[in-house]
Amino acid sequence: MVYHDMASYLWVKGQTYYFNRRVPKDVQAHYKASRIIICLKTSRKDQAIRAARSIAQRLEDYWLSLRLANIDVPALHLLRERPLKVSRPSCMTLSEALELYLRLKGFNKGKVFRRGAERNIQSAVNVLSYRPPNELAL
């Protein structure tokens, strides 16, 4: 990755700073001009550098999304039009998960460890009721 000095994107006309950057050739087809020039409406260099850094980062992110949209997906011909429906296996409850956690991690731990784990699970159960964790996924 090439790091540019943000001051190199700055241009001063009179006392006002401007952001001035060339559009990369691989994304130039999306633009009407080969350069991006934006008035930063400030005469302070520190504000201009901060604004130029922000604009440059947003442009880089946008250009990356344009580049990624144009790449070929490997093995595209192997993708299904509709994904198969996968049945979810039965899942343990939060209480069963607590018991498993305490059995695996609570070995040789004090009662404070157990009490903390039980309190945390009880708070989750109070908020989420007794639904299994696989129904809680977004």
N, C-alpha and C. Protein backbone atom coordinates (compact mmCIF):
# COMPACT_ATOMS: atom_id res chain seq x y z
N MET A 1 0.84 -1.17 0.00
CA MET A 1 0.00 0.00 0.00
C MET A 1 0.89 1.24 0.00
N VAL A 2 0.56 2.22 -0.78
CA VAL A 2 1.34 3.44 -0.89
C VAL A 2 0.72 4.49 0.02
N TYR A 3 1.52 5.08 0.87
CA TYR A 3 1.05 6.13 1.75
C TYR A 3 1.42 7.47 1.16
N HIS A 4 0.43 8.31 1.00
CA HIS A 4 0.66 9.63 0.45
C HIS A 4 0.57 10.66 1.57
N ASP A 5 1.36 11.69 1.45
CA ASP A 5 1.24 12.81 2.36
C ASP A 5 -0.04 13.56 1.99
N MET A 6 -0.91 13.75 2.96
CA MET A 6 -2.20 14.39 2.67
C MET A 6 -2.00 15.81 2.15
N ALA A 7 -0.88 16.42 2.52
CA ALA A 7 -0.62 17.78 2.03
C ALA A 7 -0.42 17.77 0.52
N SER A 8 -0.06 16.60 -0.06
CA SER A 8 0.12 16.55 -1.51
C SER A 8 -1.21 16.67 -2.25
N TYR A 9 -2.32 16.40 -1.57
CA TYR A 9 -3.63 16.56 -2.20
C TYR A 9 -4.17 17.97 -2.03
N LEU A 10 -3.46 18.79 -1.29
CA LEU A 10 -3.92 20.14 -1.04
C LEU A 10 -3.34 21.12 -2.05
N TRP A 11 -4.14 22.10 -2.33
CA TRP A 11 -3.77 23.13 -3.28
C TRP A 11 -4.32 24.43 -2.74
N VAL A 12 -3.53 25.48 -2.76
CA VAL A 12 -3.95 26.76 -2.21
C VAL A 12 -4.18 27.73 -3.35
N LYS A 13 -5.35 28.36 -3.35
CA LYS A 13 -5.67 29.40 -4.31
C LYS A 13 -6.07 30.62 -3.50
N GLY A 14 -5.26 31.64 -3.57
CA GLY A 14 -5.46 32.79 -2.68
C GLY A 14 -5.12 32.34 -1.27
N GLN A 15 -6.11 32.33 -0.40
CA GLN A 15 -5.91 31.82 0.97
C GLN A 15 -6.78 30.60 1.25
N THR A 16 -7.47 30.10 0.25
CA THR A 16 -8.38 28.98 0.41
C THR A 16 -7.75 27.69 -0.07
N TYR A 17 -7.93 26.63 0.73
CA TYR A 17 -7.39 25.31 0.37
C TYR A 17 -8.40 24.52 -0.46
N TYR A 18 -7.86 23.75 -1.39
CA TYR A 18 -8.65 22.88 -2.25
C TYR A 18 -8.08 21.48 -2.18
N PHE A 19 -8.95 20.49 -2.28
CA PHE A 19 -8.54 19.10 -2.41
C PHE A 19 -8.42 18.82 -3.90
N ASN A 20 -7.30 18.24 -4.33
CA ASN A 20 -7.04 18.02 -5.75
C ASN A 20 -6.41 16.63 -5.89
N ARG A 21 -7.13 15.75 -6.55
CA ARG A 21 -6.61 14.39 -6.71
C ARG A 21 -7.01 13.82 -8.06
N ARG A 22 -6.08 13.08 -8.66
CA ARG A 22 -6.33 12.41 -9.93
C ARG A 22 -7.15 11.15 -9.68
N VAL A 23 -8.08 10.86 -10.56
CA VAL A 23 -8.89 9.64 -10.49
C VAL A 23 -8.06 8.50 -11.10
N PRO A 24 -7.92 7.37 -10.40
CA PRO A 24 -7.15 6.26 -10.96
C PRO A 24 -7.75 5.77 -12.28
N LYS A 25 -6.89 5.31 -13.16
CA LYS A 25 -7.32 4.89 -14.50
C LYS A 25 -8.35 3.77 -14.48
N ASP A 26 -8.22 2.84 -13.53
CA ASP A 26 -9.14 1.70 -13.53
C ASP A 26 -10.56 2.06 -13.10
N VAL A 27 -10.78 3.23 -12.50
CA VAL A 27 -12.13 3.65 -12.13
C VAL A 27 -12.56 4.92 -12.87
N GLN A 28 -11.72 5.38 -13.80
CA GLN A 28 -12.02 6.62 -14.51
C GLN A 28 -13.28 6.54 -15.36
N ALA A 29 -13.68 5.35 -15.75
CA ALA A 29 -14.89 5.20 -16.57
C ALA A 29 -16.14 5.64 -15.80
N HIS A 30 -16.07 5.69 -14.48
CA HIS A 30 -17.21 6.09 -13.66
C HIS A 30 -17.29 7.59 -13.46
N TYR A 31 -16.31 8.33 -13.93
CA TYR A 31 -16.23 9.77 -13.69
C TYR A 31 -16.28 10.54 -15.01
N LYS A 32 -16.76 11.78 -14.92
CA LYS A 32 -16.81 12.67 -16.09
C LYS A 32 -15.48 13.37 -16.31
N ALA A 33 -14.67 13.48 -15.26
CA ALA A 33 -13.38 14.19 -15.35
C ALA A 33 -12.28 13.28 -14.81
N SER A 34 -11.04 13.61 -15.15
CA SER A 34 -9.91 12.80 -14.70
C SER A 34 -9.35 13.28 -13.36
N ARG A 35 -9.83 14.41 -12.86
CA ARG A 35 -9.38 14.95 -11.58
C ARG A 35 -10.58 15.30 -10.72
N ILE A 36 -10.39 15.20 -9.41
CA ILE A 36 -11.40 15.62 -8.45
C ILE A 36 -10.85 16.84 -7.73
N ILE A 37 -11.56 17.94 -7.84
CA ILE A 37 -11.16 19.18 -7.18
C ILE A 37 -12.34 19.65 -6.34
N ILE A 38 -12.09 19.78 -5.02
CA ILE A 38 -13.14 20.17 -4.09
C ILE A 38 -12.62 21.32 -3.24
N CYS A 39 -13.41 22.39 -3.15
CA CYS A 39 -13.05 23.52 -2.29
C CYS A 39 -13.29 23.11 -0.84
N LEU A 40 -12.28 23.26 0.00
CA LEU A 40 -12.40 22.87 1.41
C LEU A 40 -12.91 24.01 2.28
N LYS A 41 -13.06 25.19 1.72
CA LYS A 41 -13.66 26.35 2.39
C LYS A 41 -12.98 26.67 3.71
N THR A 42 -11.67 26.60 3.70
CA THR A 42 -10.91 26.97 4.90
C THR A 42 -9.58 27.57 4.47
N SER A 43 -9.05 28.42 5.34
CA SER A 43 -7.73 28.99 5.10
C SER A 43 -6.72 28.45 6.11
N ARG A 44 -7.17 27.56 6.99
CA ARG A 44 -6.27 26.96 7.98
C ARG A 44 -5.75 25.64 7.47
N LYS A 45 -4.44 25.48 7.52
CA LYS A 45 -3.82 24.27 6.97
C LYS A 45 -4.19 23.03 7.77
N ASP A 46 -4.27 23.10 9.10
CA ASP A 46 -4.61 21.92 9.91
C ASP A 46 -6.01 21.41 9.59
N GLN A 47 -6.97 22.32 9.40
CA GLN A 47 -8.32 21.90 9.02
C GLN A 47 -8.33 21.32 7.61
N ALA A 48 -7.55 21.91 6.72
CA ALA A 48 -7.50 21.42 5.34
C ALA A 48 -6.90 20.03 5.28
N ILE A 49 -5.86 19.78 6.07
CA ILE A 49 -5.24 18.45 6.09
C ILE A 49 -6.22 17.42 6.62
N ARG A 50 -6.95 17.76 7.68
CA ARG A 50 -7.93 16.84 8.24
C ARG A 50 -9.05 16.55 7.24
N ALA A 51 -9.54 17.58 6.57
CA ALA A 51 -10.59 17.40 5.57
C ALA A 51 -10.08 16.58 4.38
N ALA A 52 -8.86 16.86 3.94
CA ALA A 52 -8.28 16.12 2.80
C ALA A 52 -8.10 14.65 3.15
N ARG A 53 -7.68 14.38 4.38
CA ARG A 53 -7.51 12.99 4.82
C ARG A 53 -8.85 12.26 4.79
N SER A 54 -9.90 12.92 5.26
CA SER A 54 -11.22 12.32 5.28
C SER A 54 -11.74 12.06 3.86
N ILE A 55 -11.61 13.04 3.00
CA ILE A 55 -12.07 12.89 1.61
C ILE A 55 -11.29 11.79 0.91
N ALA A 56 -9.97 11.78 1.09
CA ALA A 56 -9.12 10.77 0.45
C ALA A 56 -9.51 9.37 0.90
N GLN A 57 -9.78 9.19 2.20
CA GLN A 57 -10.16 7.87 2.71
C GLN A 57 -11.50 7.44 2.15
N ARG A 58 -12.45 8.35 2.09
CA ARG A 58 -13.77 8.00 1.54
C ARG A 58 -13.66 7.65 0.06
N LEU A 59 -12.82 8.37 -0.67
CA LEU A 59 -12.62 8.04 -2.08
C LEU A 59 -11.97 6.68 -2.24
N GLU A 60 -10.96 6.39 -1.43
CA GLU A 60 -10.29 5.09 -1.50
C GLU A 60 -11.28 3.95 -1.23
N ASP A 61 -12.14 4.14 -0.23
CA ASP A 61 -13.14 3.12 0.08
C ASP A 61 -14.11 2.93 -1.09
N TYR A 62 -14.55 4.03 -1.67
CA TYR A 62 -15.48 3.95 -2.79
C TYR A 62 -14.81 3.28 -4.00
N TRP A 63 -13.58 3.67 -4.28
CA TRP A 63 -12.86 3.07 -5.41
C TRP A 63 -12.64 1.58 -5.20
N LEU A 64 -12.38 1.19 -3.97
CA LEU A 64 -12.23 -0.24 -3.68
C LEU A 64 -13.54 -0.98 -3.95
N SER A 65 -14.67 -0.38 -3.56
CA SER A 65 -15.95 -1.04 -3.83
C SER A 65 -16.20 -1.15 -5.34
N LEU A 66 -15.80 -0.15 -6.11
CA LEU A 66 -15.93 -0.23 -7.56
C LEU A 66 -15.05 -1.34 -8.13
N ARG A 67 -13.85 -1.45 -7.61
CA ARG A 67 -12.93 -2.49 -8.10
C ARG A 67 -13.45 -3.88 -7.75
N LEU A 68 -13.97 -4.04 -6.53
CA LEU A 68 -14.48 -5.34 -6.11
C LEU A 68 -15.73 -5.73 -6.88
N ALA A 69 -16.53 -4.74 -7.27
CA ALA A 69 -17.74 -5.05 -8.03
C ALA A 69 -17.41 -5.57 -9.42
N ASN A 70 -16.23 -5.27 -9.92
CA ASN A 70 -15.85 -5.67 -11.27
C ASN A 70 -15.05 -6.96 -11.34
N ILE A 71 -14.74 -7.57 -10.20
CA ILE A 71 -13.94 -8.79 -10.26
C ILE A 71 -14.83 -9.98 -10.60
N ASP A 72 -14.24 -10.96 -11.23
CA ASP A 72 -14.95 -12.19 -11.57
C ASP A 72 -14.99 -13.09 -10.34
N VAL A 73 -16.14 -13.71 -10.12
CA VAL A 73 -16.29 -14.64 -9.01
C VAL A 73 -15.79 -16.00 -9.48
N PRO A 74 -14.81 -16.57 -8.79
CA PRO A 74 -14.33 -17.89 -9.18
C PRO A 74 -15.43 -18.94 -9.01
N ALA A 75 -15.54 -19.84 -9.95
CA ALA A 75 -16.50 -20.95 -9.94
C ALA A 75 -17.94 -20.46 -9.88
N LEU A 76 -18.20 -19.36 -10.54
CA LEU A 76 -19.56 -18.80 -10.57
C LEU A 76 -20.56 -19.78 -11.16
N HIS A 77 -20.10 -20.57 -12.13
CA HIS A 77 -21.00 -21.53 -12.77
C HIS A 77 -21.44 -22.65 -11.83
N LEU A 78 -20.79 -22.80 -10.69
CA LEU A 78 -21.14 -23.85 -9.74
C LEU A 78 -22.15 -23.40 -8.69
N LEU A 79 -22.44 -22.13 -8.64
CA LEU A 79 -23.39 -21.63 -7.64
C LEU A 79 -24.81 -22.04 -7.99
N ARG A 80 -25.59 -22.32 -6.97
CA ARG A 80 -27.01 -22.66 -7.16
C ARG A 80 -27.81 -21.37 -7.31
N GLU A 81 -28.92 -21.47 -8.03
CA GLU A 81 -29.79 -20.31 -8.14
C GLU A 81 -30.48 -20.06 -6.81
N ARG A 82 -30.88 -21.12 -6.15
CA ARG A 82 -31.48 -21.03 -4.82
C ARG A 82 -30.68 -21.92 -3.89
N PRO A 83 -30.25 -21.40 -2.75
CA PRO A 83 -29.51 -22.25 -1.82
C PRO A 83 -30.41 -23.33 -1.23
N LEU A 84 -29.82 -24.46 -0.91
CA LEU A 84 -30.57 -25.54 -0.29
C LEU A 84 -31.01 -25.13 1.10
N LYS A 85 -32.19 -25.59 1.50
CA LYS A 85 -32.64 -25.33 2.86
C LYS A 85 -31.98 -26.34 3.77
N VAL A 86 -31.32 -25.83 4.78
CA VAL A 86 -30.63 -26.69 5.72
C VAL A 86 -31.42 -26.68 7.01
N SER A 87 -31.79 -27.87 7.46
CA SER A 87 -32.52 -27.93 8.73
C SER A 87 -31.52 -27.73 9.85
N ARG A 88 -31.94 -26.96 10.82
CA ARG A 88 -31.06 -26.70 11.96
C ARG A 88 -31.15 -27.85 12.95
N PRO A 89 -30.02 -28.33 13.42
CA PRO A 89 -30.07 -29.38 14.43
C PRO A 89 -30.60 -28.80 15.74
N SER A 90 -31.13 -29.68 16.57
CA SER A 90 -31.63 -29.20 17.85
C SER A 90 -30.46 -28.63 18.64
N CYS A 91 -30.75 -27.60 19.38
CA CYS A 91 -29.71 -26.87 20.10
C CYS A 91 -29.99 -26.94 21.59
N MET A 92 -28.96 -26.87 22.39
CA MET A 92 -29.15 -26.92 23.83
C MET A 92 -29.68 -25.59 24.33
N THR A 93 -30.31 -25.60 25.47
CA THR A 93 -30.83 -24.38 26.08
C THR A 93 -29.68 -23.64 26.75
N LEU A 94 -29.97 -22.42 27.18
CA LEU A 94 -28.94 -21.65 27.88
C LEU A 94 -28.56 -22.31 29.20
N SER A 95 -29.52 -22.92 29.86
CA SER A 95 -29.22 -23.62 31.12
C SER A 95 -28.31 -24.82 30.88
N GLU A 96 -28.57 -25.56 29.82
CA GLU A 96 -27.70 -26.70 29.47
C GLU A 96 -26.32 -26.21 29.06
N ALA A 97 -26.26 -25.08 28.36
CA ALA A 97 -24.97 -24.51 27.98
C ALA A 97 -24.20 -24.06 29.21
N LEU A 98 -24.91 -23.55 30.21
CA LEU A 98 -24.26 -23.16 31.47
C LEU A 98 -23.64 -24.37 32.15
N GLU A 99 -24.40 -25.45 32.23
CA GLU A 99 -23.88 -26.66 32.87
C GLU A 99 -22.65 -27.19 32.14
N LEU A 100 -22.68 -27.18 30.82
CA LEU A 100 -21.52 -27.62 30.03
C LEU A 100 -20.33 -26.70 30.27
N TYR A 101 -20.57 -25.40 30.30
CA TYR A 101 -19.51 -24.42 30.54
C TYR A 101 -18.88 -24.63 31.91
N LEU A 102 -19.73 -24.82 32.91
CA LEU A 102 -19.20 -25.01 34.27
C LEU A 102 -18.43 -26.33 34.38
N ARG A 103 -18.89 -27.35 33.66
CA ARG A 103 -18.19 -28.64 33.70
C ARG A 103 -16.82 -28.52 33.04
N LEU A 104 -16.74 -27.77 31.91
CA LEU A 104 -15.48 -27.67 31.18
C LEU A 104 -14.55 -26.61 31.75
N LYS A 105 -15.07 -25.46 32.09
CA LYS A 105 -14.23 -24.34 32.54
C LYS A 105 -14.22 -24.13 34.04
N GLY A 106 -15.22 -24.66 34.73
CA GLY A 106 -15.33 -24.41 36.15
C GLY A 106 -14.58 -25.37 37.03
N PHE A 107 -13.84 -26.27 36.42
CA PHE A 107 -13.08 -27.26 37.18
C PHE A 107 -12.02 -26.53 38.01
N ASN A 108 -11.97 -26.82 39.31
CA ASN A 108 -11.03 -26.20 40.25
C ASN A 108 -11.20 -24.69 40.37
N LYS A 109 -12.39 -24.18 40.08
CA LYS A 109 -12.66 -22.76 40.27
C LYS A 109 -13.52 -22.62 41.52
N GLY A 110 -13.50 -21.48 42.11
CA GLY A 110 -14.25 -21.25 43.34
C GLY A 110 -15.73 -21.02 43.09
N LYS A 111 -16.45 -20.83 44.19
CA LYS A 111 -17.88 -20.61 44.07
C LYS A 111 -18.19 -19.24 43.47
N VAL A 112 -17.25 -18.31 43.54
CA VAL A 112 -17.46 -16.99 42.94
C VAL A 112 -17.56 -17.11 41.42
N PHE A 113 -16.72 -17.98 40.83
CA PHE A 113 -16.78 -18.21 39.38
C PHE A 113 -18.14 -18.78 38.99
N ARG A 114 -18.60 -19.78 39.73
CA ARG A 114 -19.89 -20.41 39.42
C ARG A 114 -21.03 -19.42 39.60
N ARG A 115 -21.00 -18.65 40.69
CA ARG A 115 -22.07 -17.68 40.95
C ARG A 115 -22.12 -16.62 39.86
N GLY A 116 -20.96 -16.14 39.39
CA GLY A 116 -20.92 -15.15 38.31
C GLY A 116 -21.49 -15.69 37.01
N ALA A 117 -21.12 -16.93 36.67
CA ALA A 117 -21.64 -17.54 35.44
C ALA A 117 -23.14 -17.74 35.53
N GLU A 118 -23.62 -18.20 36.68
CA GLU A 118 -25.05 -18.41 36.85
C GLU A 118 -25.82 -17.10 36.78
N ARG A 119 -25.27 -16.04 37.39
CA ARG A 119 -25.92 -14.73 37.36
C ARG A 119 -26.00 -14.20 35.93
N ASN A 120 -24.93 -14.36 35.16
CA ASN A 120 -24.93 -13.88 33.77
C ASN A 120 -25.95 -14.63 32.92
N ILE A 121 -26.01 -15.94 33.07
CA ILE A 121 -26.98 -16.72 32.29
C ILE A 121 -28.40 -16.36 32.72
N GLN A 122 -28.62 -16.17 34.00
CA GLN A 122 -29.96 -15.81 34.47
C GLN A 122 -30.39 -14.46 33.89
N SER A 123 -29.47 -13.52 33.78
CA SER A 123 -29.79 -12.22 33.17
C SER A 123 -30.17 -12.41 31.71
N ALA A 124 -29.44 -13.26 30.99
CA ALA A 124 -29.76 -13.53 29.58
C ALA A 124 -31.12 -14.21 29.46
N VAL A 125 -31.41 -15.15 30.35
CA VAL A 125 -32.70 -15.85 30.31
C VAL A 125 -33.83 -14.87 30.60
N ASN A 126 -33.62 -13.94 31.53
CA ASN A 126 -34.66 -12.96 31.85
C ASN A 126 -34.98 -12.08 30.65
N VAL A 127 -33.98 -11.75 29.87
CA VAL A 127 -34.19 -10.88 28.71
C VAL A 127 -34.71 -11.67 27.52
N LEU A 128 -34.16 -12.86 27.29
CA LEU A 128 -34.44 -13.62 26.07
C LEU A 128 -35.46 -14.73 26.26
N SER A 129 -35.93 -14.94 27.43
CA SER A 129 -36.81 -16.04 27.83
C SER A 129 -36.07 -17.36 27.65
N TYR A 130 -36.80 -18.43 27.45
CA TYR A 130 -36.16 -19.73 27.40
C TYR A 130 -36.02 -20.26 25.97
N ARG A 131 -35.88 -19.38 25.01
CA ARG A 131 -35.68 -19.83 23.64
C ARG A 131 -34.29 -20.43 23.49
N PRO A 132 -34.14 -21.42 22.63
CA PRO A 132 -32.80 -21.98 22.40
C PRO A 132 -31.92 -20.96 21.68
N PRO A 133 -30.61 -21.00 21.90
CA PRO A 133 -29.70 -20.02 21.30
C PRO A 133 -29.75 -19.96 19.79
N ASN A 134 -30.07 -21.08 19.10
CA ASN A 134 -30.09 -21.04 17.62
C ASN A 134 -31.25 -20.21 17.11
N GLU A 135 -32.26 -19.94 17.92
CA GLU A 135 -33.36 -19.07 17.49
C GLU A 135 -33.04 -17.60 17.73
N LEU A 136 -31.95 -17.32 18.41
CA LEU A 136 -31.57 -15.95 18.73
C LEU A 136 -30.68 -15.33 17.67
N ALA A 137 -30.18 -16.14 16.75
CA ALA A 137 -29.27 -15.63 15.71
C ALA A 137 -30.00 -14.63 14.82
N LEU A 138 -29.26 -13.64 14.38
CA LEU A 138 -29.84 -12.60 13.53
C LEU A 138 -29.95 -13.04 12.11
